[in-house]
Amino acid sequence: RLAPQRYAVFTHAEHISAVRGTFMAIFNDWLPQSGLHGADAAVF
């Protein structure tokens, strides 16, 4: 069960095999520069 939560929703448009690069860009680049913090909740 996932509780109500605020999300940043990204589109991954490339082949699924490239998803690791998207996750790295989100967590290593975008999130630290966004002024937001990751919440203690599931990523999906």
All heavy atoms as atom14 arrays in JSON, in Angstrom:
{
  "sequence": "RLAPQRYAVFTHAEHISAVRGTFMAIFNDWLPQSGLHGADAAVF",
  "atom14_mask": [
    [1, 1, 1, 1, 1, 1, 1, 1, 1, 1, 1, 0, 0, 0],
    [1, 1, 1, 1, 1, 1, 1, 1, 0, 0, 0, 0, 0, 0],
    [1, 1, 1, 1, 1, 0, 0, 0, 0, 0, 0, 0, 0, 0],
    [1, 1, 1, 1, 1, 1, 1, 0, 0, 0, 0, 0, 0, 0],
    [1, 1, 1, 1, 1, 1, 1, 1, 1, 0, 0, 0, 0, 0],
    [1, 1, 1, 1, 1, 1, 1, 1, 1, 1, 1, 0, 0, 0],
    [1, 1, 1, 1, 1, 1, 1, 1, 1, 1, 1, 1, 0, 0],
    [1, 1, 1, 1, 1, 0, 0, 0, 0, 0, 0, 0, 0, 0],
    [1, 1, 1, 1, 1, 1, 1, 0, 0, 0, 0, 0, 0, 0],
    [1, 1, 1, 1, 1, 1, 1, 1, 1, 1, 1, 0, 0, 0],
    [1, 1, 1, 1, 1, 1, 1, 0, 0, 0, 0, 0, 0, 0],
    [1, 1, 1, 1, 1, 1, 1, 1, 1, 1, 0, 0, 0, 0],
    [1, 1, 1, 1, 1, 0, 0, 0, 0, 0, 0, 0, 0, 0],
    [1, 1, 1, 1, 1, 1, 1, 1, 1, 0, 0, 0, 0, 0],
    [1, 1, 1, 1, 1, 1, 1, 1, 1, 1, 0, 0, 0, 0],
    [1, 1, 1, 1, 1, 1, 1, 1, 0, 0, 0, 0, 0, 0],
    [1, 1, 1, 1, 1, 1, 0, 0, 0, 0, 0, 0, 0, 0],
    [1, 1, 1, 1, 1, 0, 0, 0, 0, 0, 0, 0, 0, 0],
    [1, 1, 1, 1, 1, 1, 1, 0, 0, 0, 0, 0, 0, 0],
    [1, 1, 1, 1, 1, 1, 1, 1, 1, 1, 1, 0, 0, 0],
    [1, 1, 1, 1, 0, 0, 0, 0, 0, 0, 0, 0, 0, 0],
    [1, 1, 1, 1, 1, 1, 1, 0, 0, 0, 0, 0, 0, 0],
    [1, 1, 1, 1, 1, 1, 1, 1, 1, 1, 1, 0, 0, 0],
    [1, 1, 1, 1, 1, 1, 1, 1, 0, 0, 0, 0, 0, 0],
    [1, 1, 1, 1, 1, 0, 0, 0, 0, 0, 0, 0, 0, 0],
    [1, 1, 1, 1, 1, 1, 1, 1, 0, 0, 0, 0, 0, 0],
    [1, 1, 1, 1, 1, 1, 1, 1, 1, 1, 1, 0, 0, 0],
    [1, 1, 1, 1, 1, 1, 1, 1, 0, 0, 0, 0, 0, 0],
    [1, 1, 1, 1, 1, 1, 1, 1, 0, 0, 0, 0, 0, 0],
    [1, 1, 1, 1, 1, 1, 1, 1, 1, 1, 1, 1, 1, 1],
    [1, 1, 1, 1, 1, 1, 1, 1, 0, 0, 0, 0, 0, 0],
    [1, 1, 1, 1, 1, 1, 1, 0, 0, 0, 0, 0, 0, 0],
    [1, 1, 1, 1, 1, 1, 1, 1, 1, 0, 0, 0, 0, 0],
    [1, 1, 1, 1, 1, 1, 0, 0, 0, 0, 0, 0, 0, 0],
    [1, 1, 1, 1, 0, 0, 0, 0, 0, 0, 0, 0, 0, 0],
    [1, 1, 1, 1, 1, 1, 1, 1, 0, 0, 0, 0, 0, 0],
    [1, 1, 1, 1, 1, 1, 1, 1, 1, 1, 0, 0, 0, 0],
    [1, 1, 1, 1, 0, 0, 0, 0, 0, 0, 0, 0, 0, 0],
    [1, 1, 1, 1, 1, 0, 0, 0, 0, 0, 0, 0, 0, 0],
    [1, 1, 1, 1, 1, 1, 1, 1, 0, 0, 0, 0, 0, 0],
    [1, 1, 1, 1, 1, 0, 0, 0, 0, 0, 0, 0, 0, 0],
    [1, 1, 1, 1, 1, 0, 0, 0, 0, 0, 0, 0, 0, 0],
    [1, 1, 1, 1, 1, 1, 1, 0, 0, 0, 0, 0, 0, 0],
    [1, 1, 1, 1, 1, 1, 1, 1, 1, 1, 1, 0, 0, 0]
  ],
  "atom14_positions": [
    [[0.85, -1.19, 0.0], [0.0, 0.0, 0.0], [0.89, 1.24, 0.0], [1.77, 1.39, 0.84], [-0.91, 0.01, 1.22], [-1.94, 1.13, 1.16], [-3.0, 0.98, 2.24], [-3.73, -0.26, 2.18], [-4.76, -0.52, 1.36], [-5.15, 0.39, 0.5], [-5.37, -1.68, 1.39], [0.0, 0.0, 0.0], [0.0, 0.0, 0.0], [0.0, 0.0, 0.0]],
    [[0.67, 2.11, -0.98], [1.41, 3.37, -1.08], [0.51, 4.49, -0.57], [-0.63, 4.64, -1.04], [1.82, 3.64, -2.53], [2.65, 2.56, -3.22], [2.95, 2.94, -4.66], [3.93, 2.29, -2.46], [0.0, 0.0, 0.0], [0.0, 0.0, 0.0], [0.0, 0.0, 0.0], [0.0, 0.0, 0.0], [0.0, 0.0, 0.0], [0.0, 0.0, 0.0]],
    [[1.0, 5.26, 0.36], [0.24, 6.37, 0.93], [0.21, 7.54, -0.05], [1.07, 7.64, -0.94], [0.88, 6.82, 2.25], [0.0, 0.0, 0.0], [0.0, 0.0, 0.0], [0.0, 0.0, 0.0], [0.0, 0.0, 0.0], [0.0, 0.0, 0.0], [0.0, 0.0, 0.0], [0.0, 0.0, 0.0], [0.0, 0.0, 0.0], [0.0, 0.0, 0.0]],
    [[-0.75, 8.45, 0.1], [-0.75, 9.66, -0.74], [0.6, 10.38, -0.59], [1.18, 10.41, 0.49], [-1.89, 10.5, -0.15], [-2.8, 9.51, 0.5], [-1.88, 8.43, 1.03], [0.0, 0.0, 0.0], [0.0, 0.0, 0.0], [0.0, 0.0, 0.0], [0.0, 0.0, 0.0], [0.0, 0.0, 0.0], [0.0, 0.0, 0.0], [0.0, 0.0, 0.0]],
    [[1.08, 10.93, -1.69], [2.44, 11.46, -1.71], [2.58, 12.48, -2.84], [1.92, 12.37, -3.86], [3.41, 10.28, -1.95], [4.85, 10.63, -2.07], [5.43, 11.16, -0.79], [5.29, 10.54, 0.26], [6.07, 12.31, -0.86], [0.0, 0.0, 0.0], [0.0, 0.0, 0.0], [0.0, 0.0, 0.0], [0.0, 0.0, 0.0], [0.0, 0.0, 0.0]],
    [[3.46, 13.43, -2.68], [3.84, 14.37, -3.73], [4.94, 13.72, -4.55], [5.91, 13.18, -3.99], [4.33, 15.68, -3.1], [4.8, 16.71, -4.09], [3.63, 17.56, -4.49], [4.09, 18.73, -5.21], [3.36, 19.33, -6.11], [2.14, 18.92, -6.35], [3.82, 20.39, -6.75], [0.0, 0.0, 0.0], [0.0, 0.0, 0.0], [0.0, 0.0, 0.0]],
    [[4.81, 13.77, -5.89], [5.76, 13.12, -6.77], [6.26, 14.09, -7.85], [5.51, 14.91, -8.35], [5.12, 11.94, -7.52], [4.75, 10.78, -6.65], [3.47, 10.65, -6.13], [5.68, 9.78, -6.35], [3.12, 9.57, -5.34], [5.34, 8.69, -5.56], [4.06, 8.6, -5.06], [3.72, 7.53, -4.28], [0.0, 0.0, 0.0], [0.0, 0.0, 0.0]],
    [[7.53, 13.9, -8.21], [8.07, 14.46, -9.44], [7.96, 13.31, -10.44], [8.49, 12.22, -10.21], [9.52, 14.88, -9.26], [0.0, 0.0, 0.0], [0.0, 0.0, 0.0], [0.0, 0.0, 0.0], [0.0, 0.0, 0.0], [0.0, 0.0, 0.0], [0.0, 0.0, 0.0], [0.0, 0.0, 0.0], [0.0, 0.0, 0.0], [0.0, 0.0, 0.0]],
    [[7.25, 13.54, -11.54], [6.99, 12.48, -12.52], [7.79, 12.74, -13.78], [7.61, 13.77, -14.45], [5.48, 12.38, -12.85], [5.22, 11.26, -13.84], [4.66, 12.17, -11.57], [0.0, 0.0, 0.0], [0.0, 0.0, 0.0], [0.0, 0.0, 0.0], [0.0, 0.0, 0.0], [0.0, 0.0, 0.0], [0.0, 0.0, 0.0], [0.0, 0.0, 0.0]],
    [[8.68, 11.82, -14.08], [9.56, 11.91, -15.24], [9.1, 10.94, -16.32], [8.62, 9.85, -16.01], [11.0, 11.55, -14.85], [11.61, 12.5, -13.87], [11.43, 12.31, -12.51], [12.35, 13.59, -14.31], [11.98, 13.19, -11.59], [12.91, 14.47, -13.39], [12.73, 14.27, -12.04], [0.0, 0.0, 0.0], [0.0, 0.0, 0.0], [0.0, 0.0, 0.0]],
    [[9.3, 11.32, -17.57], [9.01, 10.42, -18.69], [10.32, 9.81, -19.17], [11.28, 10.53, -19.44], [8.34, 11.19, -19.84], [7.1, 11.72, -19.36], [8.07, 10.27, -21.02], [0.0, 0.0, 0.0], [0.0, 0.0, 0.0], [0.0, 0.0, 0.0], [0.0, 0.0, 0.0], [0.0, 0.0, 0.0], [0.0, 0.0, 0.0], [0.0, 0.0, 0.0]],
    [[10.33, 8.49, -19.27], [11.46, 7.77, -19.87], [10.99, 7.36, -21.26], [10.14, 6.48, -21.39], [11.85, 6.54, -19.04], [12.94, 5.75, -19.67], [14.27, 6.09, -19.53], [12.92, 4.65, -20.46], [15.01, 5.22, -20.22], [14.2, 4.35, -20.79], [0.0, 0.0, 0.0], [0.0, 0.0, 0.0], [0.0, 0.0, 0.0], [0.0, 0.0, 0.0]],
    [[11.52, 8.01, -22.29], [11.05, 7.78, -23.66], [11.92, 6.8, -24.44], [11.52, 6.33, -25.49], [10.97, 9.11, -24.41], [0.0, 0.0, 0.0], [0.0, 0.0, 0.0], [0.0, 0.0, 0.0], [0.0, 0.0, 0.0], [0.0, 0.0, 0.0], [0.0, 0.0, 0.0], [0.0, 0.0, 0.0], [0.0, 0.0, 0.0], [0.0, 0.0, 0.0]],
    [[13.08, 6.48, -23.92], [14.01, 5.59, -24.62], [13.64, 4.13, -24.38], [12.7, 3.82, -23.66], [15.43, 5.85, -24.13], [15.9, 7.27, -24.38], [17.25, 7.53, -23.75], [18.11, 6.64, -23.76], [17.46, 8.65, -23.25], [0.0, 0.0, 0.0], [0.0, 0.0, 0.0], [0.0, 0.0, 0.0], [0.0, 0.0, 0.0], [0.0, 0.0, 0.0]],
    [[14.42, 3.22, -24.97], [14.23, 1.79, -24.74], [14.39, 1.51, -23.24], [15.16, 2.19, -22.55], [15.26, 0.99, -25.55], [15.02, -0.48, -25.51], [15.55, -1.28, -24.54], [14.27, -1.27, -26.32], [15.16, -2.54, -24.74], [14.37, -2.55, -25.82], [0.0, 0.0, 0.0], [0.0, 0.0, 0.0], [0.0, 0.0, 0.0], [0.0, 0.0, 0.0]],
    [[13.69, 0.52, -22.77], [13.73, 0.2, -21.33], [15.15, -0.1, -20.85], [15.48, 0.15, -19.69], [12.77, -0.95, -21.0], [12.7, -1.16, -19.5], [13.19, -2.25, -21.67], [11.37, -1.14, -18.93], [0.0, 0.0, 0.0], [0.0, 0.0, 0.0], [0.0, 0.0, 0.0], [0.0, 0.0, 0.0], [0.0, 0.0, 0.0], [0.0, 0.0, 0.0]],
    [[16.01, -0.6, -21.72], [17.37, -0.94, -21.31], [18.18, 0.28, -20.89], [19.19, 0.15, -20.21], [18.1, -1.68, -22.43], [18.23, -0.84, -23.57], [0.0, 0.0, 0.0], [0.0, 0.0, 0.0], [0.0, 0.0, 0.0], [0.0, 0.0, 0.0], [0.0, 0.0, 0.0], [0.0, 0.0, 0.0], [0.0, 0.0, 0.0], [0.0, 0.0, 0.0]],
    [[17.73, 1.48, -21.24], [18.43, 2.71, -20.88], [17.91, 3.33, -19.58], [18.32, 4.42, -19.22], [18.33, 3.72, -22.01], [0.0, 0.0, 0.0], [0.0, 0.0, 0.0], [0.0, 0.0, 0.0], [0.0, 0.0, 0.0], [0.0, 0.0, 0.0], [0.0, 0.0, 0.0], [0.0, 0.0, 0.0], [0.0, 0.0, 0.0], [0.0, 0.0, 0.0]],
    [[17.04, 2.64, -18.87], [16.39, 3.23, -17.69], [17.38, 3.54, -16.56], [17.19, 4.5, -15.83], [15.22, 2.36, -17.19], [15.71, 1.08, -16.54], [14.33, 3.16, -16.25], [0.0, 0.0, 0.0], [0.0, 0.0, 0.0], [0.0, 0.0, 0.0], [0.0, 0.0, 0.0], [0.0, 0.0, 0.0], [0.0, 0.0, 0.0], [0.0, 0.0, 0.0]],
    [[18.44, 2.79, -16.45], [19.42, 3.07, -15.4], [19.98, 4.49, -15.55], [20.17, 5.2, -14.56], [20.54, 2.03, -15.4], [21.51, 2.2, -14.26], [22.58, 1.11, -14.29], [23.51, 1.27, -13.22], [23.59, 0.49, -12.16], [22.78, -0.53, -12.04], [24.47, 0.72, -11.23], [0.0, 0.0, 0.0], [0.0, 0.0, 0.0], [0.0, 0.0, 0.0]],
    [[20.24, 4.92, -16.78], [20.72, 6.27, -17.02], [19.72, 7.33, -16.61], [20.1, 8.41, -16.12], [0.0, 0.0, 0.0], [0.0, 0.0, 0.0], [0.0, 0.0, 0.0], [0.0, 0.0, 0.0], [0.0, 0.0, 0.0], [0.0, 0.0, 0.0], [0.0, 0.0, 0.0], [0.0, 0.0, 0.0], [0.0, 0.0, 0.0], [0.0, 0.0, 0.0]],
    [[18.42, 7.04, -16.77], [17.39, 7.98, -16.34], [17.36, 8.07, -14.82], [17.3, 9.17, -14.25], [16.02, 7.58, -16.9], [16.11, 7.57, -18.33], [14.93, 8.54, -16.46], [0.0, 0.0, 0.0], [0.0, 0.0, 0.0], [0.0, 0.0, 0.0], [0.0, 0.0, 0.0], [0.0, 0.0, 0.0], [0.0, 0.0, 0.0], [0.0, 0.0, 0.0]],
    [[17.42, 6.93, -14.14], [17.45, 6.95, -12.68], [18.67, 7.71, -12.17], [18.58, 8.49, -11.22], [17.41, 5.53, -12.1], [16.03, 4.99, -11.91], [15.45, 4.17, -12.85], [15.29, 5.33, -10.79], [14.16, 3.67, -12.68], [14.0, 4.84, -10.59], [13.44, 4.01, -11.54], [0.0, 0.0, 0.0], [0.0, 0.0, 0.0], [0.0, 0.0, 0.0]],
    [[19.83, 7.49, -12.8], [21.03, 8.2, -12.37], [20.89, 9.7, -12.57], [21.28, 10.49, -11.71], [22.25, 7.66, -13.12], [22.63, 6.25, -12.68], [24.05, 5.63, -13.57], [25.31, 6.72, -12.95], [0.0, 0.0, 0.0], [0.0, 0.0, 0.0], [0.0, 0.0, 0.0], [0.0, 0.0, 0.0], [0.0, 0.0, 0.0], [0.0, 0.0, 0.0]],
    [[20.32, 10.12, -13.7], [20.12, 11.55, -13.95], [19.16, 12.15, -12.93], [19.36, 13.28, -12.47], [19.61, 11.77, -15.38], [0.0, 0.0, 0.0], [0.0, 0.0, 0.0], [0.0, 0.0, 0.0], [0.0, 0.0, 0.0], [0.0, 0.0, 0.0], [0.0, 0.0, 0.0], [0.0, 0.0, 0.0], [0.0, 0.0, 0.0], [0.0, 0.0, 0.0]],
    [[18.12, 11.42, -12.57], [17.15, 11.92, -11.59], [17.8, 12.08, -10.22], [17.74, 13.16, -9.62], [15.92, 10.98, -11.49], [15.1, 11.02, -12.78], [15.06, 11.35, -10.27], [14.05, 9.91, -12.88], [0.0, 0.0, 0.0], [0.0, 0.0, 0.0], [0.0, 0.0, 0.0], [0.0, 0.0, 0.0], [0.0, 0.0, 0.0], [0.0, 0.0, 0.0]],
    [[18.42, 11.02, -9.73], [18.9, 11.02, -8.34], [20.27, 11.68, -8.16], [20.54, 12.22, -7.08], [18.89, 9.6, -7.77], [17.5, 9.12, -7.51], [16.87, 8.27, -8.4], [16.81, 9.55, -6.39], [15.57, 7.84, -8.16], [15.51, 9.14, -6.15], [14.89, 8.28, -7.05], [0.0, 0.0, 0.0], [0.0, 0.0, 0.0], [0.0, 0.0, 0.0]],
    [[21.12, 11.66, -9.17], [22.45, 12.25, -9.03], [22.54, 13.68, -9.54], [23.42, 14.42, -9.14], [23.5, 11.4, -9.76], [23.64, 10.03, -9.14], [23.26, 9.82, -8.0], [24.17, 9.09, -9.9], [0.0, 0.0, 0.0], [0.0, 0.0, 0.0], [0.0, 0.0, 0.0], [0.0, 0.0, 0.0], [0.0, 0.0, 0.0], [0.0, 0.0, 0.0]],
    [[21.64, 14.06, -10.45], [21.71, 15.39, -11.05], [20.48, 16.23, -10.68], [20.59, 17.25, -10.03], [21.83, 15.29, -12.58], [23.06, 14.52, -13.03], [24.07, 14.51, -12.29], [23.02, 13.9, -14.1], [0.0, 0.0, 0.0], [0.0, 0.0, 0.0], [0.0, 0.0, 0.0], [0.0, 0.0, 0.0], [0.0, 0.0, 0.0], [0.0, 0.0, 0.0]],
    [[19.28, 15.8, -11.12], [18.09, 16.62, -10.94], [17.75, 16.84, -9.47], [17.56, 17.98, -9.05], [16.89, 16.0, -11.67], [15.66, 16.83, -11.49], [15.3, 17.92, -12.24], [14.67, 16.7, -10.47], [14.14, 18.46, -11.74], [13.73, 17.73, -10.65], [14.47, 15.82, -9.41], [12.62, 17.9, -9.84], [13.37, 15.97, -8.6], [12.45, 17.01, -8.81]],
    [[17.64, 15.79, -8.68], [17.18, 15.93, -7.3], [18.09, 16.85, -6.48], [17.59, 17.78, -5.83], [17.01, 14.57, -6.62], [16.33, 14.56, -5.27], [14.93, 15.18, -5.33], [16.24, 13.14, -4.73], [0.0, 0.0, 0.0], [0.0, 0.0, 0.0], [0.0, 0.0, 0.0], [0.0, 0.0, 0.0], [0.0, 0.0, 0.0], [0.0, 0.0, 0.0]],
    [[19.42, 16.69, -6.5], [20.26, 17.61, -5.72], [20.16, 19.07, -6.16], [20.37, 19.97, -5.37], [21.68, 17.08, -5.95], [21.52, 15.67, -6.39], [20.2, 15.62, -7.12], [0.0, 0.0, 0.0], [0.0, 0.0, 0.0], [0.0, 0.0, 0.0], [0.0, 0.0, 0.0], [0.0, 0.0, 0.0], [0.0, 0.0, 0.0], [0.0, 0.0, 0.0]],
    [[19.81, 19.31, -7.42], [19.73, 20.68, -7.94], [18.31, 21.25, -7.87], [18.11, 22.43, -8.15], [20.19, 20.71, -9.4], [21.64, 20.31, -9.56], [22.01, 20.1, -11.03], [21.28, 20.49, -11.93], [23.15, 19.48, -11.25], [0.0, 0.0, 0.0], [0.0, 0.0, 0.0], [0.0, 0.0, 0.0], [0.0, 0.0, 0.0], [0.0, 0.0, 0.0]],
    [[17.33, 20.45, -7.5], [15.93, 20.85, -7.58], [15.44, 21.71, -6.42], [14.39, 22.34, -6.52], [15.04, 19.61, -7.65], [15.03, 18.93, -6.39], [0.0, 0.0, 0.0], [0.0, 0.0, 0.0], [0.0, 0.0, 0.0], [0.0, 0.0, 0.0], [0.0, 0.0, 0.0], [0.0, 0.0, 0.0], [0.0, 0.0, 0.0], [0.0, 0.0, 0.0]],
    [[16.17, 21.69, -5.3], [15.68, 22.37, -4.11], [14.71, 21.49, -3.32], [14.19, 21.91, -2.29], [0.0, 0.0, 0.0], [0.0, 0.0, 0.0], [0.0, 0.0, 0.0], [0.0, 0.0, 0.0], [0.0, 0.0, 0.0], [0.0, 0.0, 0.0], [0.0, 0.0, 0.0], [0.0, 0.0, 0.0], [0.0, 0.0, 0.0], [0.0, 0.0, 0.0]],
    [[14.46, 20.28, -3.81], [13.6, 19.32, -3.13], [14.47, 18.21, -2.55], [15.65, 18.1, -2.85], [12.58, 18.72, -4.12], [11.62, 19.71, -4.77], [10.84, 19.03, -5.88], [10.68, 20.3, -3.72], [0.0, 0.0, 0.0], [0.0, 0.0, 0.0], [0.0, 0.0, 0.0], [0.0, 0.0, 0.0], [0.0, 0.0, 0.0], [0.0, 0.0, 0.0]],
    [[13.83, 17.36, -1.75], [14.5, 16.2, -1.18], [13.68, 14.97, -1.49], [12.45, 15.06, -1.62], [14.64, 16.35, 0.34], [15.41, 17.56, 0.74], [16.78, 17.61, 0.73], [15.0, 18.79, 1.12], [17.18, 18.81, 1.11], [16.11, 19.55, 1.35], [0.0, 0.0, 0.0], [0.0, 0.0, 0.0], [0.0, 0.0, 0.0], [0.0, 0.0, 0.0]],
    [[14.33, 13.83, -1.58], [13.6, 12.58, -1.75], [12.84, 12.28, -0.47], [13.37, 12.41, 0.62], [0.0, 0.0, 0.0], [0.0, 0.0, 0.0], [0.0, 0.0, 0.0], [0.0, 0.0, 0.0], [0.0, 0.0, 0.0], [0.0, 0.0, 0.0], [0.0, 0.0, 0.0], [0.0, 0.0, 0.0], [0.0, 0.0, 0.0], [0.0, 0.0, 0.0]],
    [[11.57, 11.93, -0.61], [10.76, 11.55, 0.55], [11.0, 10.08, 0.85], [11.39, 9.29, -0.02], [9.29, 11.81, 0.26], [0.0, 0.0, 0.0], [0.0, 0.0, 0.0], [0.0, 0.0, 0.0], [0.0, 0.0, 0.0], [0.0, 0.0, 0.0], [0.0, 0.0, 0.0], [0.0, 0.0, 0.0], [0.0, 0.0, 0.0], [0.0, 0.0, 0.0]],
    [[10.78, 9.69, 2.09], [10.95, 8.3, 2.51], [9.7, 7.51, 2.09], [8.82, 7.23, 2.9], [11.16, 8.23, 4.02], [11.51, 6.82, 4.48], [11.9, 6.0, 3.63], [11.37, 6.55, 5.69], [0.0, 0.0, 0.0], [0.0, 0.0, 0.0], [0.0, 0.0, 0.0], [0.0, 0.0, 0.0], [0.0, 0.0, 0.0], [0.0, 0.0, 0.0]],
    [[9.63, 7.21, 0.8], [8.49, 6.5, 0.23], [8.98, 5.75, -1.01], [10.08, 5.99, -1.5], [7.38, 7.49, -0.12], [0.0, 0.0, 0.0], [0.0, 0.0, 0.0], [0.0, 0.0, 0.0], [0.0, 0.0, 0.0], [0.0, 0.0, 0.0], [0.0, 0.0, 0.0], [0.0, 0.0, 0.0], [0.0, 0.0, 0.0], [0.0, 0.0, 0.0]],
    [[8.14, 4.87, -1.52], [8.5, 4.06, -2.68], [8.59, 4.9, -3.95], [7.81, 5.82, -4.16], [7.47, 2.95, -2.87], [0.0, 0.0, 0.0], [0.0, 0.0, 0.0], [0.0, 0.0, 0.0], [0.0, 0.0, 0.0], [0.0, 0.0, 0.0], [0.0, 0.0, 0.0], [0.0, 0.0, 0.0], [0.0, 0.0, 0.0], [0.0, 0.0, 0.0]],
    [[9.55, 4.56, -4.79], [9.67, 5.09, -6.15], [9.02, 4.05, -7.06], [9.18, 2.85, -6.84], [11.16, 5.24, -6.53], [11.32, 5.61, -8.0], [11.85, 6.24, -5.63], [0.0, 0.0, 0.0], [0.0, 0.0, 0.0], [0.0, 0.0, 0.0], [0.0, 0.0, 0.0], [0.0, 0.0, 0.0], [0.0, 0.0, 0.0], [0.0, 0.0, 0.0]],
    [[8.27, 4.52, -8.06], [7.7, 3.51, -8.95], [7.71, 3.94, -10.41], [7.77, 5.12, -10.73], [6.29, 3.09, -8.51], [5.24, 4.15, -8.55], [4.5, 4.41, -9.7], [4.93, 4.88, -7.4], [3.51, 5.37, -9.71], [3.94, 5.84, -7.4], [3.22, 6.08, -8.56], [0.0, 0.0, 0.0], [0.0, 0.0, 0.0], [0.0, 0.0, 0.0]]
  ]
}
